[in-house]
Amino acid sequence: MEGSGFDGDGGNQQGGGYVTSPGGFGSPTPTQSRGKRAQNLIPCTIAQILTSKAIDDGFRCGEVDLHQVSIVGVILNMDMQATHIRYELDDMSGPTMEIRQWIDSDENSAPEQQPEVHHHGTYVKVIGSVRAFGGKTTVSPFKIAPLTDLNEITVHMLEVIHAHMYLTKKKQQTGMPGTPAASGMSMQTPNKMQGTQGGDYNNIPNHGLNTVQRDVHQLIVGCPDEQGISLNQLKAALTSKRVSMDHIKAAVEFLSNEGHIYSTIDDDHFKSTEG
């Protein structure tokens, strides 16, 4: 697995990964504001999340606003229930965290729409949103994936340190809360996705999406570019299907709110969280 890095000004470097920037399109509506928060992705430790403070629109750890986060740890316990899978996750930063991944109760759901079950001793990366559940701060997962290379643990910890130092410095310089939207910084992790735009999407799960959402999602998943795919590229790729830009933006906003995608170098470029 290739290592990741940051430049001193928060610009992009070569390598795959998660890049954070503000979401939304033009003057945000209330719905778009929710999408904006969902598109920001910050690497964290469990201890940082558990000690974060609730604010009006999310949580804050020190000077850094937390909405959508990634954590890496080992599963200590797994409990399979009828409606959810409960994991106890430990990253050695402090107390463990309980994470609940909900199961689709629809009997007609395709098998690929159900979450993969991970067992005791498995190292995983969790991407999700910070939430309060049962009086405790936790992460509501969009995706839980096993690590394929234990070097990802070291890479993640380096990203955590750099991201929070950088965003805290931005807060001191600007007086604004330390969010990716304020800094424009990139947080990169190895990108395992191979393939090309317009490739074979037969193995991409449907996620219960409508036709436009699925087409947009397939194009975003299939784009190998570091900066992701732009709205204009999506429009060009869907010209033959006569999909309007308004419908594309609506699909992008929905996919972002559901945790399938995130914005990268600007408001108009997107990558998949499944990469």
C-alpha atoms as a PDB file:
ATOM      1  CA  MET A   1       0.000   0.000   0.000  1.00  0.00           C
ATOM      2  CA  GLU A   2       1.369   3.378  -0.901  1.00  0.00           C
ATOM      3  CA  GLY A   3       1.795   5.953   1.802  1.00  0.00           C
ATOM      4  CA  SER A   4      -0.114   9.211   1.787  1.00  0.00           C
ATOM      5  CA  GLY A   5       0.948  12.753   2.409  1.00  0.00           C
ATOM      6  CA  PHE A   6       0.031  16.396   2.664  1.00  0.00           C
ATOM      7  CA  ASP A   7       1.704  19.532   1.507  1.00  0.00           C
ATOM      8  CA  GLY A   8       2.190  22.411   3.888  1.00  0.00           C
ATOM      9  CA  ASP A   9      -0.603  24.461   2.365  1.00  0.00           C
ATOM     10  CA  GLY A  10      -3.141  21.666   2.249  1.00  0.00           C
ATOM     11  CA  GLY A  11      -2.755  21.047  -1.499  1.00  0.00           C
ATOM     12  CA  ASN A  12      -3.098  17.674  -3.174  1.00  0.00           C
ATOM     13  CA  GLN A  13      -0.239  15.275  -3.648  1.00  0.00           C
ATOM     14  CA  GLN A  14      -0.007  12.154  -5.738  1.00  0.00           C
ATOM     15  CA  GLY A  15      -1.721   9.121  -4.253  1.00  0.00           C
ATOM     16  CA  GLY A  16      -5.260   7.974  -3.686  1.00  0.00           C
ATOM     17  CA  GLY A  17      -7.554   8.881  -0.894  1.00  0.00           C
ATOM     18  CA  TYR A  18     -10.063  11.056   0.839  1.00  0.00           C
ATOM     19  CA  VAL A  19      -9.968  14.758   0.108  1.00  0.00           C
ATOM     20  CA  THR A  20     -12.126  17.159   2.020  1.00  0.00           C
ATOM     21  CA  SER A  21     -13.660  20.408   0.872  1.00  0.00           C
ATOM     22  CA  PRO A  22     -16.963  22.236   1.210  1.00  0.00           C
ATOM     23  CA  GLY A  23     -20.069  20.746  -0.305  1.00  0.00           C
ATOM     24  CA  GLY A  24     -23.210  22.250  -1.750  1.00  0.00           C
ATOM     25  CA  PHE A  25     -23.962  24.154  -4.934  1.00  0.00           C
ATOM     26  CA  GLY A  26     -24.002  27.946  -5.047  1.00  0.00           C
ATOM     27  CA  SER A  27     -26.197  29.514  -2.387  1.00  0.00           C
ATOM     28  CA  PRO A  28     -27.043  26.581  -0.106  1.00  0.00           C
ATOM     29  CA  THR A  29     -30.577  25.644   0.749  1.00  0.00           C
ATOM     30  CA  PRO A  30     -31.263  23.909   4.087  1.00  0.00           C
ATOM     31  CA  THR A  31     -31.111  20.546   2.331  1.00  0.00           C
ATOM     32  CA  GLN A  32     -27.795  21.427   0.726  1.00  0.00           C
ATOM     33  CA  SER A  33     -26.388  22.497   4.087  1.00  0.00           C
ATOM     34  CA  ARG A  34     -26.955  18.966   5.356  1.00  0.00           C
ATOM     35  CA  GLY A  35     -25.170  17.654   2.295  1.00  0.00           C
ATOM     36  CA  LYS A  36     -22.238  19.964   2.941  1.00  0.00           C
ATOM     37  CA  ARG A  37     -21.652  18.506   6.387  1.00  0.00           C
ATOM     38  CA  ALA A  38     -21.930  14.967   5.094  1.00  0.00           C
ATOM     39  CA  GLN A  39     -19.202  15.554   2.504  1.00  0.00           C
ATOM     40  CA  ASN A  40     -16.490  16.546   5.003  1.00  0.00           C
ATOM     41  CA  LEU A  41     -14.357  13.582   6.053  1.00  0.00           C
ATOM     42  CA  ILE A  42     -11.821  13.827   8.904  1.00  0.00           C
ATOM     43  CA  PRO A  43      -9.592  10.992  10.192  1.00  0.00           C
ATOM     44  CA  CYS A  44      -9.988  10.589  13.967  1.00  0.00           C
ATOM     45  CA  THR A  45      -9.210   8.356  16.915  1.00  0.00           C
ATOM     46  CA  ILE A  46     -11.958   6.881  19.055  1.00  0.00           C
ATOM     47  CA  ALA A  47     -10.743   8.943  22.024  1.00  0.00           C
ATOM     48  CA  GLN A  48     -11.120  12.186  20.043  1.00  0.00           C
ATOM     49  CA  ILE A  49     -14.703  11.319  19.145  1.00  0.00           C
ATOM     50  CA  LEU A  50     -15.661  10.214  22.660  1.00  0.00           C
ATOM     51  CA  THR A  51     -14.248  13.418  24.187  1.00  0.00           C
ATOM     52  CA  SER A  52     -15.796  15.711  21.568  1.00  0.00           C
ATOM     53  CA  LYS A  53     -18.436  18.217  22.659  1.00  0.00           C
ATOM     54  CA  ALA A  54     -21.905  18.464  21.156  1.00  0.00           C
ATOM     55  CA  ILE A  55     -22.545  21.746  19.313  1.00  0.00           C
ATOM     56  CA  ASP A  56     -25.581  23.061  17.457  1.00  0.00           C
ATOM     57  CA  ASP A  57     -24.926  21.232  14.187  1.00  0.00           C
ATOM     58  CA  GLY A  58     -22.638  18.387  15.234  1.00  0.00           C
ATOM     59  CA  PHE A  59     -19.630  17.766  17.457  1.00  0.00           C
ATOM     60  CA  ARG A  60     -16.329  19.531  18.083  1.00  0.00           C
ATOM     61  CA  CYS A  61     -12.990  18.109  19.232  1.00  0.00           C
ATOM     62  CA  GLY A  62     -10.829  20.994  20.420  1.00  0.00           C
ATOM     63  CA  GLU A  63     -10.975  23.446  17.513  1.00  0.00           C
ATOM     64  CA  VAL A  64     -12.016  20.863  14.916  1.00  0.00           C
ATOM     65  CA  ASP A  65     -15.637  20.311  13.860  1.00  0.00           C
ATOM     66  CA  LEU A  66     -16.527  16.639  13.406  1.00  0.00           C
ATOM     67  CA  HIS A  67     -19.310  15.501  11.110  1.00  0.00           C
ATOM     68  CA  GLN A  68     -18.200  12.692   8.803  1.00  0.00           C
ATOM     69  CA  VAL A  69     -15.140  10.827  10.103  1.00  0.00           C
ATOM     70  CA  SER A  70     -12.972   7.777   9.519  1.00  0.00           C
ATOM     71  CA  ILE A  71     -11.573   5.575  12.289  1.00  0.00           C
ATOM     72  CA  VAL A  72      -9.402   2.459  12.209  1.00  0.00           C
ATOM     73  CA  GLY A  73      -9.383  -0.239  14.874  1.00  0.00           C
ATOM     74  CA  VAL A  74      -9.727  -3.901  15.797  1.00  0.00           C
ATOM     75  CA  ILE A  75     -13.032  -5.611  16.565  1.00  0.00           C
ATOM     76  CA  LEU A  76     -13.044  -6.942  20.131  1.00  0.00           C
ATOM     77  CA  ASN A  77     -16.612  -8.223  20.111  1.00  0.00           C
ATOM     78  CA  MET A  78     -19.381  -8.792  17.577  1.00  0.00           C
ATOM     79  CA  ASP A  79     -23.018  -9.371  18.444  1.00  0.00           C
ATOM     80  CA  MET A  80     -25.466 -10.240  15.655  1.00  0.00           C
ATOM     81  CA  GLN A  81     -29.053  -9.096  16.292  1.00  0.00           C
ATOM     82  CA  ALA A  82     -32.181  -9.259  14.128  1.00  0.00           C
ATOM     83  CA  THR A  83     -32.056  -5.541  13.319  1.00  0.00           C
ATOM     84  CA  HIS A  84     -28.360  -4.674  13.614  1.00  0.00           C
ATOM     85  CA  ILE A  85     -24.795  -5.852  14.122  1.00  0.00           C
ATOM     86  CA  ARG A  86     -23.106  -4.472  17.229  1.00  0.00           C
ATOM     87  CA  TYR A  87     -19.336  -4.119  17.154  1.00  0.00           C
ATOM     88  CA  GLU A  88     -16.976  -3.146  19.964  1.00  0.00           C
ATOM     89  CA  LEU A  89     -14.062  -1.350  18.305  1.00  0.00           C
ATOM     90  CA  ASP A  90     -10.680  -0.551  19.862  1.00  0.00           C
ATOM     91  CA  ASP A  91      -7.923   1.642  18.391  1.00  0.00           C
ATOM     92  CA  MET A  92      -5.775   1.744  21.560  1.00  0.00           C
ATOM     93  CA  SER A  93      -6.358   5.502  21.991  1.00  0.00           C
ATOM     94  CA  GLY A  94      -8.521   5.100  25.091  1.00  0.00           C
ATOM     95  CA  PRO A  95     -11.945   3.546  25.768  1.00  0.00           C
ATOM     96  CA  THR A  96     -13.531   1.302  23.166  1.00  0.00           C
ATOM     97  CA  MET A  97     -16.493   2.392  21.036  1.00  0.00           C
ATOM     98  CA  GLU A  98     -19.741   0.557  20.369  1.00  0.00           C
ATOM     99  CA  ILE A  99     -20.803   0.790  16.729  1.00  0.00           C
ATOM    100  CA  ARG A 100     -24.157  -0.431  15.448  1.00  0.00           C
ATOM    101  CA  GLN A 101     -24.569  -1.278  11.782  1.00  0.00           C
ATOM    102  CA  TRP A 102     -28.246  -1.597  10.917  1.00  0.00           C
ATOM    103  CA  ILE A 103     -29.577  -4.449   8.810  1.00  0.00           C
ATOM    104  CA  ASP A 104     -32.181  -3.954   6.081  1.00  0.00           C
ATOM    105  CA  SER A 105     -35.281  -5.753   7.364  1.00  0.00           C
ATOM    106  CA  ASP A 106     -36.901  -5.866   3.920  1.00  0.00           C
ATOM    107  CA  GLU A 107     -37.171  -9.530   2.941  1.00  0.00           C
ATOM    108  CA  ASN A 108     -36.939  -8.537  -0.724  1.00  0.00           C
ATOM    109  CA  SER A 109     -33.548  -6.868  -0.294  1.00  0.00           C
ATOM    110  CA  ALA A 110     -30.760  -8.309  -2.421  1.00  0.00           C
ATOM    111  CA  PRO A 111     -27.949 -10.046  -0.491  1.00  0.00           C
ATOM    112  CA  GLU A 112     -25.405  -7.447  -1.634  1.00  0.00           C
ATOM    113  CA  GLN A 113     -27.464  -4.733   0.061  1.00  0.00           C
ATOM    114  CA  GLN A 114     -26.937  -6.342   3.467  1.00  0.00           C
ATOM    115  CA  PRO A 115     -23.809  -5.403   5.433  1.00  0.00           C
ATOM    116  CA  GLU A 116     -20.830  -7.732   5.505  1.00  0.00           C
ATOM    117  CA  VAL A 117     -20.278  -9.328   8.918  1.00  0.00           C
ATOM    118  CA  HIS A 118     -16.815  -8.855  10.456  1.00  0.00           C
ATOM    119  CA  HIS A 119     -15.572 -11.011  13.295  1.00  0.00           C
ATOM    120  CA  HIS A 120     -13.456 -10.727  16.439  1.00  0.00           C
ATOM    121  CA  GLY A 121      -9.839  -9.795  15.747  1.00  0.00           C
ATOM    122  CA  THR A 122     -10.516  -8.161  12.372  1.00  0.00           C
ATOM    123  CA  TYR A 123      -8.928  -4.760  11.753  1.00  0.00           C
ATOM    124  CA  VAL A 124     -11.404  -2.489   9.990  1.00  0.00           C
ATOM    125  CA  LYS A 125     -11.801   1.047   8.704  1.00  0.00           C
ATOM    126  CA  VAL A 126     -15.104   2.696   9.571  1.00  0.00           C
ATOM    127  CA  ILE A 127     -16.481   5.682   7.668  1.00  0.00           C
ATOM    128  CA  GLY A 128     -19.549   7.357   9.109  1.00  0.00           C
ATOM    129  CA  SER A 129     -21.079  10.321  10.861  1.00  0.00           C
ATOM    130  CA  VAL A 130     -20.648  11.260  14.521  1.00  0.00           C
ATOM    131  CA  ARG A 131     -23.918  10.814  16.386  1.00  0.00           C
ATOM    132  CA  ALA A 132     -25.292  10.586  19.911  1.00  0.00           C
ATOM    133  CA  PHE A 133     -26.996   7.258  20.612  1.00  0.00           C
ATOM    134  CA  GLY A 134     -28.304   6.118  23.993  1.00  0.00           C
ATOM    135  CA  GLY A 135     -26.536   8.974  25.733  1.00  0.00           C
ATOM    136  CA  LYS A 136     -23.162   8.037  24.204  1.00  0.00           C
ATOM    137  CA  THR A 137     -21.188   9.534  21.328  1.00  0.00           C
ATOM    138  CA  THR A 138     -20.632   7.032  18.546  1.00  0.00           C
ATOM    139  CA  VAL A 139     -20.195   6.705  14.792  1.00  0.00           C
ATOM    140  CA  SER A 140     -23.143   5.767  12.595  1.00  0.00           C
ATOM    141  CA  PRO A 141     -21.357   3.815   9.848  1.00  0.00           C
ATOM    142  CA  PHE A 142     -21.812   4.294   6.123  1.00  0.00           C
ATOM    143  CA  LYS A 143     -19.165   1.663   5.465  1.00  0.00           C
ATOM    144  CA  ILE A 144     -17.110  -0.845   7.449  1.00  0.00           C
ATOM    145  CA  ALA A 145     -14.295  -2.472   5.489  1.00  0.00           C
ATOM    146  CA  PRO A 146     -11.520  -4.842   6.597  1.00  0.00           C
ATOM    147  CA  LEU A 147      -7.931  -3.642   6.235  1.00  0.00           C
ATOM    148  CA  THR A 148      -5.928  -5.414   3.560  1.00  0.00           C
ATOM    149  CA  ASP A 149      -2.577  -4.037   4.757  1.00  0.00           C
ATOM    150  CA  LEU A 150      -1.740  -3.285   8.399  1.00  0.00           C
ATOM    151  CA  ASN A 151       0.339  -0.320   7.216  1.00  0.00           C
ATOM    152  CA  GLU A 152      -3.029   1.400   6.910  1.00  0.00           C
ATOM    153  CA  ILE A 153      -3.064   1.678  10.724  1.00  0.00           C
ATOM    154  CA  THR A 154       0.138   3.741  10.704  1.00  0.00           C
ATOM    155  CA  VAL A 155      -1.050   5.819   7.756  1.00  0.00           C
ATOM    156  CA  HIS A 156      -4.324   6.571   9.515  1.00  0.00           C
ATOM    157  CA  MET A 157      -2.600   7.693  12.726  1.00  0.00           C
ATOM    158  CA  LEU A 158      -0.311  10.025  10.767  1.00  0.00           C
ATOM    159  CA  GLU A 159      -3.345  11.478   9.018  1.00  0.00           C
ATOM    160  CA  VAL A 160      -5.098  11.979  12.361  1.00  0.00           C
ATOM    161  CA  ILE A 161      -2.142  13.890  13.805  1.00  0.00           C
ATOM    162  CA  HIS A 162      -1.620  16.045  10.736  1.00  0.00           C
ATOM    163  CA  ALA A 163      -5.291  16.776  10.108  1.00  0.00           C
ATOM    164  CA  HIS A 164      -6.001  17.988  13.633  1.00  0.00           C
ATOM    165  CA  MET A 165      -2.756  19.990  13.879  1.00  0.00           C
ATOM    166  CA  TYR A 166      -3.450  21.636  10.529  1.00  0.00           C
ATOM    167  CA  LEU A 167      -7.084  22.467  11.264  1.00  0.00           C
ATOM    168  CA  THR A 168      -6.250  23.762  14.734  1.00  0.00           C
ATOM    169  CA  LYS A 169      -3.614  26.034  13.190  1.00  0.00           C
ATOM    170  CA  LYS A 170      -6.195  27.282  10.692  1.00  0.00           C
ATOM    171  CA  LYS A 171      -8.518  28.131  13.558  1.00  0.00           C
ATOM    172  CA  GLN A 172      -5.775  30.153  15.247  1.00  0.00           C
ATOM    173  CA  GLN A 173      -4.998  31.987  12.005  1.00  0.00           C
ATOM    174  CA  THR A 174      -8.552  32.722  10.856  1.00  0.00           C
ATOM    175  CA  GLY A 175     -10.630  32.604  14.026  1.00  0.00           C
ATOM    176  CA  MET A 176     -13.005  30.212  12.244  1.00  0.00           C
ATOM    177  CA  PRO A 177     -13.755  26.666  13.455  1.00  0.00           C
ATOM    178  CA  GLY A 178     -11.321  24.143  12.061  1.00  0.00           C
ATOM    179  CA  THR A 179     -13.261  22.460   9.293  1.00  0.00           C
ATOM    180  CA  PRO A 180     -12.104  21.167   5.918  1.00  0.00           C
ATOM    181  CA  ALA A 181     -14.356  23.786   4.343  1.00  0.00           C
ATOM    182  CA  ALA A 182     -12.301  26.519   6.002  1.00  0.00           C
ATOM    183  CA  SER A 183      -8.917  25.051   5.222  1.00  0.00           C
ATOM    184  CA  GLY A 184      -9.302  23.348   1.859  1.00  0.00           C
ATOM    185  CA  MET A 185      -6.824  20.744   3.094  1.00  0.00           C
ATOM    186  CA  SER A 186      -6.627  17.218   1.754  1.00  0.00           C
ATOM    187  CA  MET A 187      -6.555  14.073   3.833  1.00  0.00           C
ATOM    188  CA  GLN A 188      -5.346  11.254   1.674  1.00  0.00           C
ATOM    189  CA  THR A 189      -5.421   7.520   2.206  1.00  0.00           C
ATOM    190  CA  PRO A 190      -4.538   4.733  -0.179  1.00  0.00           C
ATOM    191  CA  ASN A 191      -7.075   4.254  -2.927  1.00  0.00           C
ATOM    192  CA  LYS A 192      -7.605   0.605  -3.827  1.00  0.00           C
ATOM    193  CA  MET A 193     -10.019   1.317  -6.646  1.00  0.00           C
ATOM    194  CA  GLN A 194      -8.740   0.374 -10.038  1.00  0.00           C
ATOM    195  CA  GLY A 195     -10.621   0.728 -13.285  1.00  0.00           C
ATOM    196  CA  THR A 196     -11.698   3.489 -15.599  1.00  0.00           C
ATOM    197  CA  GLN A 197     -14.594   5.832 -15.995  1.00  0.00           C
ATOM    198  CA  GLY A 198     -17.295   4.126 -17.975  1.00  0.00           C
ATOM    199  CA  GLY A 199     -16.030   0.672 -16.874  1.00  0.00           C
ATOM    200  CA  ASP A 200     -17.859  -2.460 -15.796  1.00  0.00           C
ATOM    201  CA  TYR A 201     -20.320  -1.704 -12.985  1.00  0.00           C
ATOM    202  CA  ASN A 202     -21.958  -5.128 -12.756  1.00  0.00           C
ATOM    203  CA  ASN A 203     -20.525  -5.722  -9.281  1.00  0.00           C
ATOM    204  CA  ILE A 204     -21.615  -2.370  -7.825  1.00  0.00           C
ATOM    205  CA  PRO A 205     -24.538  -2.846  -5.387  1.00  0.00           C
ATOM    206  CA  ASN A 206     -27.753  -0.989  -6.126  1.00  0.00           C
ATOM    207  CA  HIS A 207     -28.194   0.469  -2.574  1.00  0.00           C
ATOM    208  CA  GLY A 208     -31.896   0.967  -3.369  1.00  0.00           C
ATOM    209  CA  LEU A 209     -31.134   3.923  -5.665  1.00  0.00           C
ATOM    210  CA  ASN A 210     -33.355   5.187  -8.455  1.00  0.00           C
ATOM    211  CA  THR A 211     -32.122   5.151 -12.046  1.00  0.00           C
ATOM    212  CA  VAL A 212     -30.444   8.588 -12.072  1.00  0.00           C
ATOM    213  CA  GLN A 213     -28.863   8.072  -8.652  1.00  0.00           C
ATOM    214  CA  ARG A 214     -27.513   4.697  -9.729  1.00  0.00           C
ATOM    215  CA  ASP A 215     -26.096   6.071 -12.996  1.00  0.00           C
ATOM    216  CA  VAL A 216     -24.391   8.936 -11.170  1.00  0.00           C
ATOM    217  CA  HIS A 217     -23.091   6.602  -8.465  1.00  0.00           C
ATOM    218  CA  GLN A 218     -21.661   4.190 -11.045  1.00  0.00           C
ATOM    219  CA  LEU A 219     -19.802   6.988 -12.821  1.00  0.00           C
ATOM    220  CA  ILE A 220     -18.345   8.303  -9.557  1.00  0.00           C
ATOM    221  CA  VAL A 221     -17.259   4.825  -8.427  1.00  0.00           C
ATOM    222  CA  GLY A 222     -15.700   4.143 -11.819  1.00  0.00           C
ATOM    223  CA  CYS A 223     -13.630   7.334 -11.987  1.00  0.00           C
ATOM    224  CA  PRO A 224      -9.935   6.631 -11.215  1.00  0.00           C
ATOM    225  CA  ASP A 225      -8.847  10.285 -11.143  1.00  0.00           C
ATOM    226  CA  GLU A 226      -7.355  11.604  -7.905  1.00  0.00           C
ATOM    227  CA  GLN A 227      -9.672  14.627  -7.857  1.00  0.00           C
ATOM    228  CA  GLY A 228     -12.757  12.553  -8.663  1.00  0.00           C
ATOM    229  CA  ILE A 229     -15.336  13.313 -11.329  1.00  0.00           C
ATOM    230  CA  SER A 230     -16.903  16.734 -11.887  1.00  0.00           C
ATOM    231  CA  LEU A 231     -20.523  17.692 -12.357  1.00  0.00           C
ATOM    232  CA  ASN A 232     -19.781  18.700 -15.957  1.00  0.00           C
ATOM    233  CA  GLN A 233     -18.189  15.300 -16.636  1.00  0.00           C
ATOM    234  CA  LEU A 234     -21.240  13.592 -15.165  1.00  0.00           C
ATOM    235  CA  LYS A 235     -23.506  15.707 -17.373  1.00  0.00           C
ATOM    236  CA  ALA A 236     -21.459  14.841 -20.469  1.00  0.00           C
ATOM    237  CA  ALA A 237     -21.461  11.135 -19.648  1.00  0.00           C
ATOM    238  CA  LEU A 238     -25.242  11.133 -19.197  1.00  0.00           C
ATOM    239  CA  THR A 239     -26.043  13.231 -22.272  1.00  0.00           C
ATOM    240  CA  SER A 240     -27.401  10.235 -24.177  1.00  0.00           C
ATOM    241  CA  LYS A 241     -29.853   9.590 -21.333  1.00  0.00           C
ATOM    242  CA  ARG A 242     -31.031  13.224 -21.365  1.00  0.00           C
ATOM    243  CA  VAL A 243     -30.404  13.719 -17.646  1.00  0.00           C
ATOM    244  CA  SER A 244     -30.576  17.382 -16.639  1.00  0.00           C
ATOM    245  CA  MET A 245     -27.988  19.089 -14.446  1.00  0.00           C
ATOM    246  CA  ASP A 246     -30.657  19.684 -11.795  1.00  0.00           C
ATOM    247  CA  HIS A 247     -31.324  15.947 -11.587  1.00  0.00           C
ATOM    248  CA  ILE A 248     -27.586  15.234 -11.418  1.00  0.00           C
ATOM    249  CA  LYS A 249     -27.140  17.718  -8.577  1.00  0.00           C
ATOM    250  CA  ALA A 250     -30.089  16.222  -6.733  1.00  0.00           C
ATOM    251  CA  ALA A 251     -28.606  12.740  -7.135  1.00  0.00           C
ATOM    252  CA  VAL A 252     -25.188  13.939  -5.934  1.00  0.00           C
ATOM    253  CA  GLU A 253     -26.758  15.601  -2.905  1.00  0.00           C
ATOM    254  CA  PHE A 254     -28.672  12.419  -2.045  1.00  0.00           C
ATOM    255  CA  LEU A 255     -25.589  10.206  -2.446  1.00  0.00           C
ATOM    256  CA  SER A 256     -23.581  12.571  -0.244  1.00  0.00           C
ATOM    257  CA  ASN A 257     -26.207  12.629   2.498  1.00  0.00           C
ATOM    258  CA  GLU A 258     -26.339   8.823   2.411  1.00  0.00           C
ATOM    259  CA  GLY A 259     -22.555   8.614   2.786  1.00  0.00           C
ATOM    260  CA  HIS A 260     -21.823   7.070  -0.629  1.00  0.00           C
ATOM    261  CA  ILE A 261     -19.681   9.975  -1.913  1.00  0.00           C
ATOM    262  CA  TYR A 262     -17.760  13.045  -0.727  1.00  0.00           C
ATOM    263  CA  SER A 263     -16.488  16.212  -2.400  1.00  0.00           C
ATOM    264  CA  THR A 264     -12.783  16.607  -3.203  1.00  0.00           C
ATOM    265  CA  ILE A 265     -10.888  19.579  -4.627  1.00  0.00           C
ATOM    266  CA  ASP A 266     -13.953  21.844  -4.839  1.00  0.00           C
ATOM    267  CA  ASP A 267     -17.753  21.823  -4.672  1.00  0.00           C
ATOM    268  CA  ASP A 268     -18.065  20.184  -8.095  1.00  0.00           C
ATOM    269  CA  HIS A 269     -15.781  17.119  -7.864  1.00  0.00           C
ATOM    270  CA  PHE A 270     -16.728  13.881  -6.124  1.00  0.00           C
ATOM    271  CA  LYS A 271     -15.305  10.492  -5.212  1.00  0.00           C
ATOM    272  CA  SER A 272     -16.890   7.369  -3.765  1.00  0.00           C
ATOM    273  CA  THR A 273     -16.422   6.204  -0.168  1.00  0.00           C
ATOM    274  CA  GLU A 274     -16.330   2.681  -1.600  1.00  0.00           C
ATOM    275  CA  GLY A 275     -12.959   3.198  -3.291  1.00  0.00           C
END
